[in-house]
């Protein structure tokens, strides 16, 4: 390996690259229902305004929350389509057994 130290260092640098992002710590409310999305986004904005997050970190976290929101909305859409089909089929037992994708203060039909 004599004389090839630079090559070894290059390989090791690629294998064990240092992290480009820093660990951030701030209070992000849990996202369990669609109603939690605005609270999470507000917490991110407040942390950025207070200097706890850089604008890039806030943007990245906000994008993640928006992705979670898209997943929630997709699940709700599938649920509502299922409810509609069961109502149209007048399948009361299946409708009664259907569980909402996320807990809420709104009862299933």
C-alpha atoms as a PDB file:
ATOM      1  CA  UNK A   1       0.000   0.000   0.000  1.00  0.00           C
ATOM      2  CA  UNK A   2       3.002   2.239   0.037  1.00  0.00           C
ATOM      3  CA  UNK A   3       2.514   5.129  -2.357  1.00  0.00           C
ATOM      4  CA  UNK A   4      -1.243   4.543  -2.626  1.00  0.00           C
ATOM      5  CA  UNK A   5      -2.153   6.305   0.573  1.00  0.00           C
ATOM      6  CA  UNK A   6      -4.024   9.068  -1.301  1.00  0.00           C
ATOM      7  CA  UNK A   7      -6.193   6.439  -3.017  1.00  0.00           C
ATOM      8  CA  UNK A   8      -6.964   4.757   0.295  1.00  0.00           C
ATOM      9  CA  UNK A   9      -7.821   8.122   1.833  1.00  0.00           C
ATOM     10  CA  UNK A  10     -10.144   8.905  -1.086  1.00  0.00           C
ATOM     11  CA  UNK A  11     -11.974   5.588  -0.674  1.00  0.00           C
ATOM     12  CA  UNK A  12     -12.272   6.015   3.093  1.00  0.00           C
ATOM     13  CA  UNK A  13     -13.573   9.564   2.680  1.00  0.00           C
ATOM     14  CA  UNK A  14     -16.318   8.270   0.384  1.00  0.00           C
ATOM     15  CA  UNK A  15     -17.205   5.375   2.686  1.00  0.00           C
ATOM     16  CA  UNK A  16     -17.271   7.456   5.843  1.00  0.00           C
ATOM     17  CA  UNK A  17     -18.417  10.832   4.606  1.00  0.00           C
ATOM     18  CA  UNK A  18     -19.051  13.377   7.301  1.00  0.00           C
ATOM     19  CA  UNK A  19     -22.695  14.375   7.717  1.00  0.00           C
ATOM     20  CA  UNK A  20     -23.661  17.514   5.839  1.00  0.00           C
ATOM     21  CA  UNK A  21     -26.570  18.381   8.123  1.00  0.00           C
ATOM     22  CA  UNK A  22     -26.464  19.183  11.793  1.00  0.00           C
ATOM     23  CA  UNK A  23     -28.764  17.657  14.356  1.00  0.00           C
ATOM     24  CA  UNK A  24     -31.493  20.068  15.355  1.00  0.00           C
ATOM     25  CA  UNK A  25     -33.518  19.997  18.538  1.00  0.00           C
ATOM     26  CA  UNK A  26     -36.773  21.851  18.993  1.00  0.00           C
ATOM     27  CA  UNK A  27     -40.326  21.043  20.019  1.00  0.00           C
ATOM     28  CA  UNK A  28     -42.270  19.745  17.033  1.00  0.00           C
ATOM     29  CA  UNK A  29     -45.804  18.730  17.945  1.00  0.00           C
ATOM     30  CA  UNK A  30     -46.718  15.172  16.943  1.00  0.00           C
ATOM     31  CA  UNK A  31     -48.611  14.752  13.683  1.00  0.00           C
ATOM     32  CA  UNK A  32     -51.419  12.260  14.265  1.00  0.00           C
ATOM     33  CA  UNK A  33     -54.336  13.818  12.419  1.00  0.00           C
ATOM     34  CA  UNK A  34     -54.815  16.326   9.603  1.00  0.00           C
ATOM     35  CA  UNK A  35     -55.537  18.988  12.230  1.00  0.00           C
ATOM     36  CA  UNK A  36     -51.947  18.662  13.490  1.00  0.00           C
ATOM     37  CA  UNK A  37     -50.355  19.813  10.213  1.00  0.00           C
ATOM     38  CA  UNK A  38     -50.791  23.587  10.756  1.00  0.00           C
ATOM     39  CA  UNK A  39     -49.474  23.248  14.324  1.00  0.00           C
ATOM     40  CA  UNK A  40     -46.334  21.484  13.072  1.00  0.00           C
ATOM     41  CA  UNK A  41     -45.753  24.073  10.342  1.00  0.00           C
ATOM     42  CA  UNK A  42     -46.245  26.877  12.859  1.00  0.00           C
ATOM     43  CA  UNK A  43     -43.687  25.281  15.215  1.00  0.00           C
ATOM     44  CA  UNK A  44     -41.174  25.118  12.354  1.00  0.00           C
ATOM     45  CA  UNK A  45     -41.786  28.782  11.483  1.00  0.00           C
ATOM     46  CA  UNK A  46     -41.432  29.814  15.133  1.00  0.00           C
ATOM     47  CA  UNK A  47     -38.172  27.862  15.478  1.00  0.00           C
ATOM     48  CA  UNK A  48     -36.800  29.491  12.325  1.00  0.00           C
ATOM     49  CA  UNK A  49     -37.855  32.939  13.539  1.00  0.00           C
ATOM     50  CA  UNK A  50     -36.135  32.298  16.881  1.00  0.00           C
ATOM     51  CA  UNK A  51     -32.929  31.225  15.131  1.00  0.00           C
ATOM     52  CA  UNK A  52     -33.169  27.579  16.235  1.00  0.00           C
ATOM     53  CA  UNK A  53     -33.382  26.496  12.585  1.00  0.00           C
ATOM     54  CA  UNK A  54     -31.692  27.877   9.501  1.00  0.00           C
ATOM     55  CA  UNK A  55     -33.971  28.795   6.596  1.00  0.00           C
ATOM     56  CA  UNK A  56     -32.755  25.662   4.771  1.00  0.00           C
ATOM     57  CA  UNK A  57     -33.545  23.432   7.741  1.00  0.00           C
ATOM     58  CA  UNK A  58     -36.979  25.007   8.107  1.00  0.00           C
ATOM     59  CA  UNK A  59     -37.622  24.491   4.402  1.00  0.00           C
ATOM     60  CA  UNK A  60     -36.563  20.853   4.562  1.00  0.00           C
ATOM     61  CA  UNK A  61     -38.671  20.136   7.642  1.00  0.00           C
ATOM     62  CA  UNK A  62     -41.656  21.947   6.131  1.00  0.00           C
ATOM     63  CA  UNK A  63     -41.356  19.835   2.986  1.00  0.00           C
ATOM     64  CA  UNK A  64     -41.374  16.709   5.152  1.00  0.00           C
ATOM     65  CA  UNK A  65     -44.516  17.893   6.942  1.00  0.00           C
ATOM     66  CA  UNK A  66     -46.148  18.637   3.578  1.00  0.00           C
ATOM     67  CA  UNK A  67     -45.257  15.095   2.449  1.00  0.00           C
ATOM     68  CA  UNK A  68     -46.899  13.728   5.607  1.00  0.00           C
ATOM     69  CA  UNK A  69     -49.934  15.869   4.822  1.00  0.00           C
ATOM     70  CA  UNK A  70     -50.107  14.420   1.302  1.00  0.00           C
ATOM     71  CA  UNK A  71     -50.028  10.892   2.750  1.00  0.00           C
ATOM     72  CA  UNK A  72     -52.779  11.747   5.234  1.00  0.00           C
ATOM     73  CA  UNK A  73     -54.928  13.289   2.505  1.00  0.00           C
ATOM     74  CA  UNK A  74     -54.405  10.243   0.306  1.00  0.00           C
ATOM     75  CA  UNK A  75     -55.509   7.954   3.130  1.00  0.00           C
ATOM     76  CA  UNK A  76     -58.555  10.125   3.824  1.00  0.00           C
ATOM     77  CA  UNK A  77     -59.458  10.114   0.121  1.00  0.00           C
ATOM     78  CA  UNK A  78     -59.311   6.307  -0.019  1.00  0.00           C
ATOM     79  CA  UNK A  79     -61.412   6.123   3.153  1.00  0.00           C
ATOM     80  CA  UNK A  80     -64.046   8.476   1.754  1.00  0.00           C
ATOM     81  CA  UNK A  81     -64.199   6.532  -1.522  1.00  0.00           C
ATOM     82  CA  UNK A  82     -64.744   3.351   0.471  1.00  0.00           C
ATOM     83  CA  UNK A  83     -67.478   5.007   2.555  1.00  0.00           C
ATOM     84  CA  UNK A  84     -69.203   6.209  -0.612  1.00  0.00           C
ATOM     85  CA  UNK A  85     -69.129   2.739  -2.181  1.00  0.00           C
ATOM     86  CA  UNK A  86     -70.496   1.128   0.983  1.00  0.00           C
ATOM     87  CA  UNK A  87     -73.290   3.688   1.230  1.00  0.00           C
ATOM     88  CA  UNK A  88     -74.198   3.178  -2.429  1.00  0.00           C
ATOM     89  CA  UNK A  89     -74.215  -0.598  -1.899  1.00  0.00           C
ATOM     90  CA  UNK A  90     -76.259  -0.131   1.299  1.00  0.00           C
ATOM     91  CA  UNK A  91     -73.740  -2.384   3.079  1.00  0.00           C
ATOM     92  CA  UNK A  92     -74.504  -1.310   6.653  1.00  0.00           C
ATOM     93  CA  UNK A  93     -72.475  -4.057   8.400  1.00  0.00           C
ATOM     94  CA  UNK A  94     -69.316  -3.219   6.428  1.00  0.00           C
ATOM     95  CA  UNK A  95     -69.932   0.495   6.941  1.00  0.00           C
ATOM     96  CA  UNK A  96     -70.325   0.011  10.699  1.00  0.00           C
ATOM     97  CA  UNK A  97     -67.094  -2.008  10.839  1.00  0.00           C
ATOM     98  CA  UNK A  98     -65.106   0.525   8.806  1.00  0.00           C
ATOM     99  CA  UNK A  99     -62.460   2.355  10.806  1.00  0.00           C
ATOM    100  CA  UNK A 100     -61.347   5.885  10.011  1.00  0.00           C
ATOM    101  CA  UNK A 101     -57.685   6.114   8.982  1.00  0.00           C
ATOM    102  CA  UNK A 102     -56.946   8.674  11.713  1.00  0.00           C
ATOM    103  CA  UNK A 103     -58.562   9.261  15.098  1.00  0.00           C
ATOM    104  CA  UNK A 104     -60.750  12.312  15.175  1.00  0.00           C
ATOM    105  CA  UNK A 105     -63.577  13.883  17.081  1.00  0.00           C
ATOM    106  CA  UNK A 106     -65.793  13.141  14.058  1.00  0.00           C
ATOM    107  CA  UNK A 107     -67.502   9.768  14.203  1.00  0.00           C
ATOM    108  CA  UNK A 108     -67.594   7.435  11.210  1.00  0.00           C
ATOM    109  CA  UNK A 109     -70.966   7.303   9.438  1.00  0.00           C
END
